[in-house]
């Protein structure tokens, strides 16, 4: 029952070892990973009314540090994916692929709007690529095509992010062959999976408050709730529970594939931190009613979610320990499933990324 309650809490969020050969991080080039896959075409972002209405675009429209681009995805019928790109101050620098969570830029719940990622990474002289689309997709390759407001047509996000985009965008920004991938909540799982499926391509992974497991019955319910919010289903995405595709996309089951990759993995406890309190929220300019409602939501709903994430992440640590895979863990004594903690993770994970880039 304890396990059931913990995993059901995680559901609100998002979300025999056989040793694989150890792959050194970033041994592979984009061309090697892409194989014969068609490449993205990179061009300036077309400021459609929809784009102009997005908070991230309004915030950085006139900021020269953020290059507003779009990349085609041949695997998604030529769909144009908006990109926010922060160029390093010098050429031949690493690239961080930063993924949004479930609602993403489509729901104005993205890194550019809600964090200081641009300021932070620009100060580190590193390239950053943020796909400003992909809400509720898990940034994975779906086996069938959904038809909803947020999920329409082919969903081939892994193909886009690993085969189509890197060669084109890294050439455009004159990057070197070092890269990391990071995400929060839903995309914390995605970041682990993309690294597992492409061993030797990423130097480092940042998994901020996500659940690695997706193919166990209760953990799958967490994924289902997230995908349902976008109008899709896990069956459309990965097929039935326990299917080969489902198991392939379970980062817990495939933990051994992270050998050789630097890892930063985090979770709060679910207990309220200072940032989750009425007084803190009010100090950010919200009126008393808004602060009361916000703190209540964070402490009840966000607390339950993060408690489940915490349980799942401790299980993931046990699996990595069993496989002999080191990682940098940040298990906070407090903290709900909310932005202040993911912003802290972005900064706390930088030493891990920097170490990996300098190997």
Protein backbone atom coordinates (compact mmCIF):
# COMPACT_ATOMS: atom_id res chain seq x y z
CA UNK A 1 0.00 0.00 0.00
CA UNK A 2 2.87 2.37 0.75
CA UNK A 3 4.24 1.77 -2.73
CA UNK A 4 0.79 2.23 -4.25
CA UNK A 5 0.23 5.56 -2.54
CA UNK A 6 3.66 6.83 -3.49
CA UNK A 7 3.34 5.97 -7.14
CA UNK A 8 -0.19 7.28 -7.41
CA UNK A 9 1.13 10.57 -6.13
CA UNK A 10 3.70 10.52 -8.92
CA UNK A 11 0.92 9.85 -11.39
CA UNK A 12 -0.35 13.36 -11.01
CA UNK A 13 2.87 14.74 -12.41
CA UNK A 14 3.66 13.95 -15.60
CA UNK A 15 5.10 10.66 -15.13
CA UNK A 16 17.79 -8.98 -14.93
CA UNK A 17 20.52 -6.39 -15.70
CA UNK A 18 22.43 -7.16 -18.84
CA UNK A 19 25.48 -4.97 -19.00
CA UNK A 20 25.83 -3.03 -22.21
CA UNK A 21 29.26 -2.07 -23.53
CA UNK A 22 30.49 1.05 -21.81
CA UNK A 23 30.26 3.97 -24.22
CA UNK A 24 32.32 7.06 -23.55
CA UNK A 25 30.20 10.18 -23.71
CA UNK A 26 30.17 12.26 -26.91
CA UNK A 27 32.17 9.76 -28.92
CA UNK A 28 29.57 9.90 -31.66
CA UNK A 29 29.06 12.80 -34.05
CA UNK A 30 25.64 14.00 -35.23
CA UNK A 31 26.36 12.47 -38.62
CA UNK A 32 27.00 9.06 -37.11
CA UNK A 33 23.78 9.17 -35.09
CA UNK A 34 21.75 10.48 -38.03
CA UNK A 35 22.83 7.78 -40.46
CA UNK A 36 20.78 8.24 -43.62
CA UNK A 37 18.03 10.30 -41.90
CA UNK A 38 17.06 13.49 -43.68
CA UNK A 39 18.34 16.63 -41.96
CA UNK A 40 16.47 19.64 -40.60
CA UNK A 41 16.56 22.91 -42.47
CA UNK A 42 17.32 25.84 -40.17
CA UNK A 43 15.85 29.27 -40.92
CA UNK A 44 14.76 32.43 -39.07
CA UNK A 45 11.55 31.96 -37.12
CA UNK A 46 8.47 33.21 -38.95
CA UNK A 47 6.65 35.47 -36.45
CA UNK A 48 3.12 34.20 -36.98
CA UNK A 49 0.32 35.60 -34.80
CA UNK A 50 0.50 32.42 -32.72
CA UNK A 51 4.23 32.86 -32.12
CA UNK A 52 3.88 36.57 -31.41
CA UNK A 53 1.33 35.75 -28.72
CA UNK A 54 3.68 33.50 -26.78
CA UNK A 55 5.20 34.91 -23.59
CA UNK A 56 8.69 33.68 -24.38
CA UNK A 57 8.69 35.47 -27.72
CA UNK A 58 7.43 38.72 -26.21
CA UNK A 59 10.08 38.51 -23.49
CA UNK A 60 13.02 37.94 -25.83
CA UNK A 61 11.81 39.43 -29.12
CA UNK A 62 14.39 42.20 -29.04
CA UNK A 63 17.07 40.36 -27.08
CA UNK A 64 19.99 39.64 -29.41
CA UNK A 65 21.25 36.88 -27.13
CA UNK A 66 18.31 34.68 -28.14
CA UNK A 67 18.23 33.67 -31.78
CA UNK A 68 14.69 32.87 -32.85
CA UNK A 69 14.84 30.04 -35.39
CA UNK A 70 12.73 27.24 -36.79
CA UNK A 71 13.82 23.78 -37.86
CA UNK A 72 11.95 21.46 -40.17
CA UNK A 73 11.32 17.84 -39.20
CA UNK A 74 11.23 15.56 -42.24
CA UNK A 75 9.93 12.73 -40.04
CA UNK A 76 6.98 14.92 -39.01
CA UNK A 77 5.98 15.78 -42.59
CA UNK A 78 8.16 18.88 -42.70
CA UNK A 79 6.66 20.42 -39.56
CA UNK A 80 8.43 23.61 -38.51
CA UNK A 81 9.60 23.52 -34.89
CA UNK A 82 10.30 26.88 -33.20
CA UNK A 83 13.70 27.05 -31.53
CA UNK A 84 15.08 29.50 -28.99
CA UNK A 85 18.86 29.41 -29.31
CA UNK A 86 21.40 31.06 -27.05
CA UNK A 87 24.76 31.20 -28.78
CA UNK A 88 27.98 30.83 -26.86
CA UNK A 89 30.17 33.91 -26.88
CA UNK A 90 32.88 31.94 -28.70
CA UNK A 91 32.85 29.29 -31.40
CA UNK A 92 33.61 25.60 -30.83
CA UNK A 93 31.76 25.46 -27.54
CA UNK A 94 29.43 22.75 -26.14
CA UNK A 95 25.66 22.66 -26.62
CA UNK A 96 22.95 22.10 -24.01
CA UNK A 97 19.63 20.81 -25.33
CA UNK A 98 17.07 22.06 -22.81
CA UNK A 99 13.62 20.45 -22.94
CA UNK A 100 10.40 21.93 -21.57
CA UNK A 101 7.93 20.05 -19.40
CA UNK A 102 4.45 18.77 -20.20
CA UNK A 103 2.64 22.02 -21.10
CA UNK A 104 5.73 23.57 -22.65
CA UNK A 105 5.78 26.79 -24.62
CA UNK A 106 2.35 25.96 -26.01
CA UNK A 107 0.90 26.67 -22.55
CA UNK A 108 3.42 29.37 -21.60
CA UNK A 109 5.07 26.98 -19.16
CA UNK A 110 8.59 26.99 -20.55
CA UNK A 111 12.16 27.68 -19.51
CA UNK A 112 12.40 31.02 -21.31
CA UNK A 113 9.30 32.49 -19.72
CA UNK A 114 9.69 31.13 -16.21
CA UNK A 115 13.43 30.98 -15.54
CA UNK A 116 16.66 32.90 -15.97
CA UNK A 117 18.14 30.17 -18.18
CA UNK A 118 19.21 32.70 -20.83
CA UNK A 119 21.15 34.83 -18.35
CA UNK A 120 22.72 31.82 -16.67
CA UNK A 121 23.87 29.91 -19.71
CA UNK A 122 25.02 33.02 -21.57
CA UNK A 123 27.37 33.69 -18.67
CA UNK A 124 28.80 30.17 -19.07
CA UNK A 125 29.77 30.66 -22.72
CA UNK A 126 27.79 27.63 -23.85
CA UNK A 127 25.24 27.12 -26.64
CA UNK A 128 21.67 26.34 -25.62
CA UNK A 129 18.93 24.95 -27.86
CA UNK A 130 15.35 24.99 -26.54
CA UNK A 131 12.65 23.44 -28.75
CA UNK A 132 9.57 25.57 -28.18
CA UNK A 133 7.10 22.84 -29.15
CA UNK A 134 6.37 19.25 -28.13
CA UNK A 135 3.83 19.67 -25.33
CA UNK A 136 2.65 16.38 -23.78
CA UNK A 137 4.70 14.36 -26.30
CA UNK A 138 7.38 12.96 -23.97
CA UNK A 139 9.73 13.97 -26.81
CA UNK A 140 9.51 10.42 -28.05
CA UNK A 141 8.62 8.65 -31.31
CA UNK A 142 4.94 7.68 -31.21
CA UNK A 143 3.83 4.49 -32.90
CA UNK A 144 0.55 6.04 -34.11
CA UNK A 145 -0.74 9.50 -34.92
CA UNK A 146 -2.97 11.29 -32.40
CA UNK A 147 -5.39 14.01 -33.40
CA UNK A 148 -5.91 16.57 -30.66
CA UNK A 149 -5.24 20.24 -30.02
CA UNK A 150 -1.67 19.67 -28.86
CA UNK A 151 -0.88 16.33 -30.50
CA UNK A 152 -1.63 16.22 -34.21
CA UNK A 153 -0.06 14.14 -36.93
CA UNK A 154 3.25 12.27 -36.69
CA UNK A 155 4.98 12.63 -33.33
CA UNK A 156 8.61 11.74 -34.06
CA UNK A 157 10.38 13.83 -31.47
CA UNK A 158 13.26 11.47 -30.76
CA UNK A 159 14.06 11.29 -34.46
CA UNK A 160 13.93 15.08 -34.65
CA UNK A 161 16.02 15.74 -31.55
CA UNK A 162 18.69 13.10 -32.16
CA UNK A 163 18.89 12.54 -35.93
CA UNK A 164 17.48 15.55 -37.77
CA UNK A 165 18.32 18.58 -35.63
CA UNK A 166 21.81 18.20 -34.08
CA UNK A 167 23.86 18.15 -37.28
CA UNK A 168 22.05 21.15 -38.72
CA UNK A 169 21.87 23.32 -35.60
CA UNK A 170 25.38 22.56 -34.33
CA UNK A 171 26.77 23.52 -37.73
CA UNK A 172 24.70 26.71 -37.66
CA UNK A 173 26.07 27.76 -34.26
CA UNK A 174 29.61 26.46 -34.89
CA UNK A 175 29.51 24.14 -31.88
CA UNK A 176 32.01 21.47 -30.93
CA UNK A 177 31.11 17.80 -30.41
CA UNK A 178 30.28 18.13 -26.71
CA UNK A 179 26.63 18.18 -25.67
CA UNK A 180 24.26 17.67 -22.75
CA UNK A 181 20.52 17.20 -22.54
CA UNK A 182 18.32 18.24 -19.64
CA UNK A 183 14.67 18.43 -18.74
CA UNK A 184 12.22 18.73 -15.88
CA UNK A 185 9.16 16.72 -14.89
CA UNK A 186 7.99 15.00 -18.11
CA UNK A 187 11.15 15.81 -20.02
CA UNK A 188 13.38 14.63 -17.16
CA UNK A 189 12.29 11.16 -18.27
CA UNK A 190 12.80 12.07 -21.93
CA UNK A 191 16.36 13.26 -21.31
CA UNK A 192 17.33 9.92 -19.79
CA UNK A 193 15.71 7.98 -22.62
CA UNK A 194 17.35 9.96 -25.42
CA UNK A 195 20.75 9.40 -23.81
CA UNK A 196 20.07 5.66 -23.37
CA UNK A 197 18.94 5.26 -26.97
CA UNK A 198 21.99 7.10 -28.28
CA UNK A 199 24.89 5.91 -26.14
CA UNK A 200 28.02 7.90 -26.73
CA UNK A 201 26.21 10.98 -28.04
CA UNK A 202 25.65 13.05 -24.88
CA UNK A 203 28.37 13.91 -22.39
CA UNK A 204 25.85 14.58 -19.62
CA UNK A 205 22.17 14.36 -18.68
CA UNK A 206 20.19 16.51 -16.26
CA UNK A 207 17.03 14.84 -14.94
CA UNK A 208 15.15 17.32 -12.77
CA UNK A 209 12.25 15.89 -10.75
CA UNK A 210 11.06 13.20 -13.13
CA UNK A 211 10.28 9.49 -12.92
CA UNK A 212 12.55 7.12 -14.82
CA UNK A 213 10.05 4.24 -14.74
CA UNK A 214 7.28 4.15 -17.37
CA UNK A 215 6.53 0.46 -18.09
CA UNK A 216 5.36 -0.70 -14.66
CA UNK A 217 1.56 -0.65 -14.16
CA UNK A 218 1.32 2.18 -11.65
CA UNK A 219 4.14 4.26 -13.11
CA UNK A 220 2.45 3.95 -16.50
CA UNK A 221 -0.61 5.59 -14.98
CA UNK A 222 1.53 8.65 -14.31
CA UNK A 223 2.54 8.80 -17.95
CA UNK A 224 -1.08 8.25 -19.01
CA UNK A 225 -2.30 11.22 -16.99
CA UNK A 226 0.29 13.48 -18.60
CA UNK A 227 -0.38 12.35 -22.17
CA UNK A 228 -4.15 12.49 -21.58
CA UNK A 229 -3.83 16.18 -20.80
CA UNK A 230 -2.65 16.67 -24.36
CA UNK A 231 -5.44 14.57 -25.83
CA UNK A 232 -3.39 11.44 -26.48
CA UNK A 233 -2.88 8.05 -24.87
CA UNK A 234 0.10 5.91 -23.93
CA UNK A 235 -1.18 3.17 -26.25
CA UNK A 236 -0.87 5.63 -29.13
CA UNK A 237 2.60 6.58 -27.95
CA UNK A 238 4.26 3.28 -26.96
CA UNK A 239 1.65 0.57 -27.36
CA UNK A 240 0.30 -1.79 -24.67
CA UNK A 241 1.81 -2.14 -21.22
CA UNK A 242 4.86 -4.38 -21.39
CA UNK A 243 5.22 -4.21 -25.17
CA UNK A 244 8.77 -4.04 -26.57
CA UNK A 245 8.34 -0.34 -27.37
CA UNK A 246 7.00 0.35 -23.89
CA UNK A 247 9.92 -1.41 -22.24
CA UNK A 248 12.43 0.27 -24.56
CA UNK A 249 11.14 3.60 -23.29
CA UNK A 250 11.51 2.80 -19.59
CA UNK A 251 14.66 4.46 -18.27
CA UNK A 252 14.59 2.35 -15.10
CA UNK A 253 14.62 -0.93 -17.02
CA UNK A 254 17.43 0.32 -19.26
CA UNK A 255 19.56 1.98 -16.60
CA UNK A 256 22.71 0.12 -17.67
CA UNK A 257 22.70 2.09 -20.94
CA UNK A 258 23.78 5.18 -19.01
CA UNK A 259 27.28 3.83 -18.41
CA UNK A 260 29.84 6.49 -19.36
CA UNK A 261 27.42 9.44 -19.17
CA UNK A 262 27.68 12.06 -16.44
CA UNK A 263 24.35 12.25 -14.60
CA UNK A 264 22.63 14.84 -12.42
CA UNK A 265 19.40 13.54 -10.86
CA UNK A 266 17.20 15.50 -8.47
CA UNK A 267 14.01 15.45 -6.45
CA UNK A 268 12.39 17.35 -3.63
CA UNK A 269 10.73 15.55 -0.73
CA UNK A 270 7.25 16.96 -1.23
CA UNK A 271 7.38 18.92 2.03
CA UNK A 272 6.87 22.65 1.65
CA UNK A 273 9.99 24.77 1.26
CA UNK A 274 10.26 28.53 1.73
CA UNK A 275 9.39 29.00 -1.96
CA UNK A 276 6.10 27.15 -1.47
CA UNK A 277 4.77 29.38 1.31
CA UNK A 278 2.17 32.15 1.33
CA UNK A 279 4.67 34.80 2.42
CA UNK A 280 7.18 33.95 -0.29
CA UNK A 281 4.59 34.02 -3.07
CA UNK A 282 3.14 37.29 -1.79
CA UNK A 283 6.66 38.78 -1.75
CA UNK A 284 6.79 38.17 -5.51
CA UNK A 285 4.01 40.67 -6.09
CA UNK A 286 0.89 38.52 -5.85
CA UNK A 287 -2.12 39.68 -3.86
CA UNK A 288 -3.14 37.79 -0.70
CA UNK A 289 -5.83 35.73 -2.43
CA UNK A 290 -3.48 34.68 -5.21
CA UNK A 291 -0.74 33.88 -2.72
CA UNK A 292 -3.11 31.79 -0.60
CA UNK A 293 -4.39 29.85 -3.59
CA UNK A 294 -0.90 29.38 -5.00
CA UNK A 295 0.64 28.15 -1.77
CA UNK A 296 -2.27 25.77 -1.15
CA UNK A 297 -1.92 24.26 -4.63
CA UNK A 298 1.83 23.90 -4.30
CA UNK A 299 1.73 22.35 -0.85
CA UNK A 300 -1.12 19.92 -1.53
CA UNK A 301 -1.01 18.98 -5.19
CA UNK A 302 2.63 19.85 -5.84
CA UNK A 303 3.67 18.19 -2.60
CA UNK A 304 1.92 14.94 -3.44
CA UNK A 305 3.42 14.89 -6.92
CA UNK A 306 6.93 15.49 -5.68
CA UNK A 307 6.59 12.84 -2.97
CA UNK A 308 5.87 10.34 -5.73
CA UNK A 309 8.76 11.64 -7.81
CA UNK A 310 11.01 11.31 -4.79
CA UNK A 311 10.01 7.67 -4.33
CA UNK A 312 10.58 6.91 -8.00
CA UNK A 313 13.93 8.69 -8.04
CA UNK A 314 15.21 6.76 -5.02
CA UNK A 315 14.30 3.56 -6.86
CA UNK A 316 16.22 4.81 -9.87
CA UNK A 317 19.25 5.50 -7.68
CA UNK A 318 19.09 1.94 -6.37
CA UNK A 319 19.03 0.62 -9.93
CA UNK A 320 21.99 2.77 -10.96
CA UNK A 321 23.90 1.73 -7.85
CA UNK A 322 23.23 -1.91 -8.69
CA UNK A 323 24.59 -1.32 -12.18
CA UNK A 324 27.68 0.44 -10.84
CA UNK A 325 26.78 3.73 -12.51
CA UNK A 326 27.77 6.88 -10.59
CA UNK A 327 25.60 9.98 -10.57
CA UNK A 328 25.33 13.29 -8.77
CA UNK A 329 22.10 13.23 -6.74
CA UNK A 330 20.29 16.16 -5.22
CA UNK A 331 17.62 14.86 -2.87
CA UNK A 332 16.27 17.96 -1.18
CA UNK A 333 14.77 17.71 2.29
CA UNK A 334 11.95 20.01 1.19
CA UNK A 335 10.43 21.16 -2.08
CA UNK A 336 7.30 20.60 -4.14
CA UNK A 337 6.90 20.02 -7.88
CA UNK A 338 7.46 23.60 -8.92
CA UNK A 339 9.64 26.03 -10.84
CA UNK A 340 11.87 27.48 -8.10
CA UNK A 341 13.39 24.03 -7.59
CA UNK A 342 13.88 23.32 -11.30
CA UNK A 343 15.59 26.69 -11.69
CA UNK A 344 17.90 25.72 -8.84
CA UNK A 345 18.56 22.38 -10.57
CA UNK A 346 19.55 24.14 -13.77
CA UNK A 347 22.32 25.88 -11.86
CA UNK A 348 23.22 23.02 -9.53
CA UNK A 349 23.71 20.68 -12.50
CA UNK A 350 26.15 22.99 -14.26
CA UNK A 351 29.29 21.65 -12.49
CA UNK A 352 28.33 18.16 -13.71
CA UNK A 353 27.92 19.39 -17.28
CA UNK A 354 31.12 21.41 -17.14
CA UNK A 355 33.08 18.42 -15.85
CA UNK A 356 31.71 16.26 -18.64
CA UNK A 357 32.50 18.85 -21.31
CA UNK A 358 36.10 19.12 -20.14
CA UNK A 359 36.90 15.42 -20.14
